[in-house]
Amino acid sequence: MRKYSFPPVYAPDARILLLGTLPGEVSLKASQYYAHPRNQFWRLLGEVLNTDLATLPYPQRLERLVAHGVALWDVVAGAERQGSLDGAMRAIEYNSLASLVAELPALRAVGFNGAASYKARHQLGRADLACLSLPSSSPAYTRPFEEKLAGWMVLRDYL
């Protein structure tokens, strides 16, 4: 079954772009980035931004991201995949990351949510950006929250 990513969430003044790979089954069903209740994305980013994102309704989460200068998208536009694991993707079609980056003149850093998305760092079209490999927020990546958070806190340097 072919799965597709969501449109990017951003404003032209974004300073950080966060990239995942491709939404999982729960997220696709809900039509929301990081909708799986055990995915720690919203909790991690809330700590980085010093604002409670996890308890907000989804539209307000996205508004807060944009207000803090954070953009959100995925590296994969579409792929064949059973389940939610990145390793199960086949026939991958990539999003045009360079096109989005070109629309973000204030962009300073790109945070890659997990190792699979980090592989796309050469598709950004700008050499001046900090490329940050972040610990995956996925529940499949079983590091303790505090360990993941320590890796995500580097984002504060670019806000």
C-alpha atoms as a PDB file:
ATOM      1  CA  MET A   1       0.000   0.000   0.000  1.00  0.00           C
ATOM      2  CA  ARG A   2       1.348   3.438  -0.966  1.00  0.00           C
ATOM      3  CA  LYS A   3       1.526   6.073   1.795  1.00  0.00           C
ATOM      4  CA  TYR A   4       1.992   9.830   1.364  1.00  0.00           C
ATOM      5  CA  SER A   5       3.354  12.612   3.538  1.00  0.00           C
ATOM      6  CA  PHE A   6       1.478  15.702   4.687  1.00  0.00           C
ATOM      7  CA  PRO A   7       2.089  19.233   3.399  1.00  0.00           C
ATOM      8  CA  PRO A   8       4.811  21.212   5.169  1.00  0.00           C
ATOM      9  CA  VAL A   9       3.940  23.441   8.115  1.00  0.00           C
ATOM     10  CA  TYR A  10       5.940  26.677   8.057  1.00  0.00           C
ATOM     11  CA  ALA A  11       6.167  30.433   7.859  1.00  0.00           C
ATOM     12  CA  PRO A  12       8.831  32.217   5.775  1.00  0.00           C
ATOM     13  CA  ASP A  13      10.638  33.392   8.928  1.00  0.00           C
ATOM     14  CA  ALA A  14      11.317  29.837  10.207  1.00  0.00           C
ATOM     15  CA  ARG A  15      14.759  29.400  11.751  1.00  0.00           C
ATOM     16  CA  ILE A  16      14.553  25.627  12.277  1.00  0.00           C
ATOM     17  CA  LEU A  17      13.143  22.957   9.984  1.00  0.00           C
ATOM     18  CA  LEU A  18      12.306  19.591  11.574  1.00  0.00           C
ATOM     19  CA  LEU A  19      12.172  16.632   9.206  1.00  0.00           C
ATOM     20  CA  GLY A  20      10.781  13.178   9.841  1.00  0.00           C
ATOM     21  CA  THR A  21      10.662  10.388   7.293  1.00  0.00           C
ATOM     22  CA  LEU A  22       7.022   9.480   6.567  1.00  0.00           C
ATOM     23  CA  PRO A  23       4.023   9.549   8.933  1.00  0.00           C
ATOM     24  CA  GLY A  24       3.155   6.259  10.603  1.00  0.00           C
ATOM     25  CA  GLU A  25      -0.201   4.511  10.413  1.00  0.00           C
ATOM     26  CA  VAL A  26      -1.756   6.298  13.416  1.00  0.00           C
ATOM     27  CA  SER A  27      -0.651   9.698  12.115  1.00  0.00           C
ATOM     28  CA  LEU A  28      -1.930   8.972   8.616  1.00  0.00           C
ATOM     29  CA  LYS A  29      -5.297   7.871   9.973  1.00  0.00           C
ATOM     30  CA  ALA A  30      -5.572  11.023  12.113  1.00  0.00           C
ATOM     31  CA  SER A  31      -4.118  13.283   9.371  1.00  0.00           C
ATOM     32  CA  GLN A  32      -1.780  14.744  11.993  1.00  0.00           C
ATOM     33  CA  TYR A  33       1.970  14.833  12.379  1.00  0.00           C
ATOM     34  CA  TYR A  34       3.141  12.609  15.255  1.00  0.00           C
ATOM     35  CA  ALA A  35      -0.343  11.486  16.349  1.00  0.00           C
ATOM     36  CA  HIS A  36       0.729   8.181  17.931  1.00  0.00           C
ATOM     37  CA  PRO A  37       0.145   8.636  21.684  1.00  0.00           C
ATOM     38  CA  ARG A  38       3.517   7.074  22.538  1.00  0.00           C
ATOM     39  CA  ASN A  39       5.494   9.182  20.059  1.00  0.00           C
ATOM     40  CA  GLN A  40       7.380  11.741  22.110  1.00  0.00           C
ATOM     41  CA  PHE A  41       7.726  14.435  19.433  1.00  0.00           C
ATOM     42  CA  TRP A  42       5.320  16.972  20.955  1.00  0.00           C
ATOM     43  CA  ARG A  43       6.657  16.431  24.467  1.00  0.00           C
ATOM     44  CA  LEU A  44      10.295  16.760  23.341  1.00  0.00           C
ATOM     45  CA  LEU A  45       9.673  19.863  21.261  1.00  0.00           C
ATOM     46  CA  GLY A  46       7.577  21.383  24.049  1.00  0.00           C
ATOM     47  CA  GLU A  47      10.567  21.060  26.380  1.00  0.00           C
ATOM     48  CA  VAL A  48      12.859  22.649  23.791  1.00  0.00           C
ATOM     49  CA  LEU A  49      10.458  25.571  23.272  1.00  0.00           C
ATOM     50  CA  ASN A  50       9.552  25.791  26.962  1.00  0.00           C
ATOM     51  CA  THR A  51       5.847  25.531  26.147  1.00  0.00           C
ATOM     52  CA  ASP A  52       3.339  22.728  26.665  1.00  0.00           C
ATOM     53  CA  LEU A  53       2.559  21.378  23.210  1.00  0.00           C
ATOM     54  CA  ALA A  54       1.434  17.852  24.075  1.00  0.00           C
ATOM     55  CA  THR A  55      -1.837  18.880  25.751  1.00  0.00           C
ATOM     56  CA  LEU A  56      -2.904  21.424  23.117  1.00  0.00           C
ATOM     57  CA  PRO A  57      -5.366  20.627  20.326  1.00  0.00           C
ATOM     58  CA  TYR A  58      -3.505  19.804  17.126  1.00  0.00           C
ATOM     59  CA  PRO A  59      -4.198  23.102  15.278  1.00  0.00           C
ATOM     60  CA  GLN A  60      -2.824  25.057  18.246  1.00  0.00           C
ATOM     61  CA  ARG A  61       0.295  22.875  18.326  1.00  0.00           C
ATOM     62  CA  LEU A  62       1.013  23.833  14.740  1.00  0.00           C
ATOM     63  CA  GLU A  63       0.343  27.521  15.459  1.00  0.00           C
ATOM     64  CA  ARG A  64       2.824  27.433  18.360  1.00  0.00           C
ATOM     65  CA  LEU A  65       5.473  25.781  16.182  1.00  0.00           C
ATOM     66  CA  VAL A  66       5.178  28.489  13.558  1.00  0.00           C
ATOM     67  CA  ALA A  67       5.136  31.233  16.219  1.00  0.00           C
ATOM     68  CA  HIS A  68       8.440  29.876  17.601  1.00  0.00           C
ATOM     69  CA  GLY A  69      10.107  29.860  14.171  1.00  0.00           C
ATOM     70  CA  VAL A  70       9.886  26.103  13.644  1.00  0.00           C
ATOM     71  CA  ALA A  71       8.873  24.438  10.366  1.00  0.00           C
ATOM     72  CA  LEU A  72       7.853  20.802   9.997  1.00  0.00           C
ATOM     73  CA  TRP A  73       7.853  18.340   7.119  1.00  0.00           C
ATOM     74  CA  ASP A  74       8.984  14.863   6.024  1.00  0.00           C
ATOM     75  CA  VAL A  75      11.763  13.807   3.669  1.00  0.00           C
ATOM     76  CA  VAL A  76       9.613  11.168   1.958  1.00  0.00           C
ATOM     77  CA  ALA A  77       6.733  12.309  -0.255  1.00  0.00           C
ATOM     78  CA  GLY A  78       5.462   8.781  -0.803  1.00  0.00           C
ATOM     79  CA  ALA A  79       6.453   5.153  -0.434  1.00  0.00           C
ATOM     80  CA  GLU A  80       5.093   1.650  -0.382  1.00  0.00           C
ATOM     81  CA  ARG A  81       5.080   0.449   3.201  1.00  0.00           C
ATOM     82  CA  GLN A  82       3.259  -2.046   5.378  1.00  0.00           C
ATOM     83  CA  GLY A  83       3.067  -0.812   8.956  1.00  0.00           C
ATOM     84  CA  SER A  84       4.939   2.218  10.248  1.00  0.00           C
ATOM     85  CA  LEU A  85       8.621   1.281  10.290  1.00  0.00           C
ATOM     86  CA  ASP A  86      11.000   3.320   8.129  1.00  0.00           C
ATOM     87  CA  GLY A  87      12.918   0.175   7.237  1.00  0.00           C
ATOM     88  CA  ALA A  88       9.827  -1.237   5.504  1.00  0.00           C
ATOM     89  CA  MET A  89       9.614   1.572   2.916  1.00  0.00           C
ATOM     90  CA  ARG A  90       9.980   0.630  -0.737  1.00  0.00           C
ATOM     91  CA  ALA A  91       9.659   2.580  -4.008  1.00  0.00           C
ATOM     92  CA  ILE A  92      10.515   5.812  -2.201  1.00  0.00           C
ATOM     93  CA  GLU A  93       9.738   9.219  -3.720  1.00  0.00           C
ATOM     94  CA  TYR A  94      11.322  12.184  -1.930  1.00  0.00           C
ATOM     95  CA  ASN A  95       9.901  15.618  -1.166  1.00  0.00           C
ATOM     96  CA  SER A  96      11.672  18.582  -2.739  1.00  0.00           C
ATOM     97  CA  LEU A  97      13.511  19.717   0.378  1.00  0.00           C
ATOM     98  CA  ALA A  98      15.595  22.242  -1.551  1.00  0.00           C
ATOM     99  CA  SER A  99      12.418  23.971  -2.788  1.00  0.00           C
ATOM    100  CA  LEU A 100      11.116  24.425   0.743  1.00  0.00           C
ATOM    101  CA  VAL A 101      14.513  25.507   2.070  1.00  0.00           C
ATOM    102  CA  ALA A 102      14.664  28.166  -0.678  1.00  0.00           C
ATOM    103  CA  GLU A 103      11.447  29.664   0.762  1.00  0.00           C
ATOM    104  CA  LEU A 104      13.023  30.000   4.236  1.00  0.00           C
ATOM    105  CA  PRO A 105      15.699  32.736   4.108  1.00  0.00           C
ATOM    106  CA  ALA A 106      16.026  32.911   7.925  1.00  0.00           C
ATOM    107  CA  LEU A 107      16.613  29.147   8.227  1.00  0.00           C
ATOM    108  CA  ARG A 108      19.637  28.320  10.388  1.00  0.00           C
ATOM    109  CA  ALA A 109      19.322  24.608  11.142  1.00  0.00           C
ATOM    110  CA  VAL A 110      17.599  21.427  10.069  1.00  0.00           C
ATOM    111  CA  GLY A 111      16.808  18.840  12.722  1.00  0.00           C
ATOM    112  CA  PHE A 112      16.367  15.300  11.451  1.00  0.00           C
ATOM    113  CA  ASN A 113      14.048  13.220  13.629  1.00  0.00           C
ATOM    114  CA  GLY A 114      15.879   9.898  13.476  1.00  0.00           C
ATOM    115  CA  ALA A 115      18.620   8.294  11.431  1.00  0.00           C
ATOM    116  CA  ALA A 116      16.493   7.521   8.364  1.00  0.00           C
ATOM    117  CA  SER A 117      15.596  11.168   7.772  1.00  0.00           C
ATOM    118  CA  TYR A 118      19.210  12.266   8.392  1.00  0.00           C
ATOM    119  CA  LYS A 119      20.251  10.407   5.242  1.00  0.00           C
ATOM    120  CA  ALA A 120      18.489  13.147   3.233  1.00  0.00           C
ATOM    121  CA  ARG A 121      20.708  15.953   4.566  1.00  0.00           C
ATOM    122  CA  HIS A 122      22.420  16.333   1.165  1.00  0.00           C
ATOM    123  CA  GLN A 123      19.109  17.263  -0.497  1.00  0.00           C
ATOM    124  CA  LEU A 124      18.728  20.634   1.248  1.00  0.00           C
ATOM    125  CA  GLY A 125      20.365  22.791  -1.416  1.00  0.00           C
ATOM    126  CA  ARG A 126      22.231  24.984   1.098  1.00  0.00           C
ATOM    127  CA  ALA A 127      25.625  24.276   2.631  1.00  0.00           C
ATOM    128  CA  ASP A 128      25.341  26.944   5.350  1.00  0.00           C
ATOM    129  CA  LEU A 129      22.731  25.078   7.422  1.00  0.00           C
ATOM    130  CA  ALA A 130      23.487  23.142  10.586  1.00  0.00           C
ATOM    131  CA  CYS A 131      22.310  19.554  10.041  1.00  0.00           C
ATOM    132  CA  LEU A 132      21.351  18.056  13.396  1.00  0.00           C
ATOM    133  CA  SER A 133      20.787  14.338  13.832  1.00  0.00           C
ATOM    134  CA  LEU A 134      18.188  14.091  16.601  1.00  0.00           C
ATOM    135  CA  PRO A 135      17.282  10.928  18.519  1.00  0.00           C
ATOM    136  CA  SER A 136      14.074   9.534  17.056  1.00  0.00           C
ATOM    137  CA  SER A 137      10.902  10.498  18.897  1.00  0.00           C
ATOM    138  CA  SER A 138       9.322   7.201  17.818  1.00  0.00           C
ATOM    139  CA  PRO A 139       8.196   4.668  20.425  1.00  0.00           C
ATOM    140  CA  ALA A 140      10.133   2.084  18.391  1.00  0.00           C
ATOM    141  CA  TYR A 141      13.326   3.864  19.449  1.00  0.00           C
ATOM    142  CA  THR A 142      13.420   2.839  23.079  1.00  0.00           C
ATOM    143  CA  ARG A 143      15.948   5.229  24.642  1.00  0.00           C
ATOM    144  CA  PRO A 144      14.759   6.894  27.854  1.00  0.00           C
ATOM    145  CA  PHE A 145      12.997  10.236  27.400  1.00  0.00           C
ATOM    146  CA  GLU A 146      15.764  12.124  29.241  1.00  0.00           C
ATOM    147  CA  GLU A 147      18.375  10.782  26.817  1.00  0.00           C
ATOM    148  CA  LYS A 148      16.298  11.802  23.818  1.00  0.00           C
ATOM    149  CA  LEU A 149      15.666  15.230  25.329  1.00  0.00           C
ATOM    150  CA  ALA A 150      19.388  15.836  25.835  1.00  0.00           C
ATOM    151  CA  GLY A 151      19.850  15.327  22.079  1.00  0.00           C
ATOM    152  CA  TRP A 152      16.919  17.590  21.185  1.00  0.00           C
ATOM    153  CA  MET A 153      18.024  20.488  23.398  1.00  0.00           C
ATOM    154  CA  VAL A 154      20.666  21.443  20.810  1.00  0.00           C
ATOM    155  CA  LEU A 155      17.793  23.001  18.854  1.00  0.00           C
ATOM    156  CA  ARG A 156      17.670  25.871  21.360  1.00  0.00           C
ATOM    157  CA  ASP A 157      20.941  27.189  19.946  1.00  0.00           C
ATOM    158  CA  TYR A 158      19.164  27.981  16.665  1.00  0.00           C
ATOM    159  CA  LEU A 159      15.906  29.560  17.840  1.00  0.00           C
END
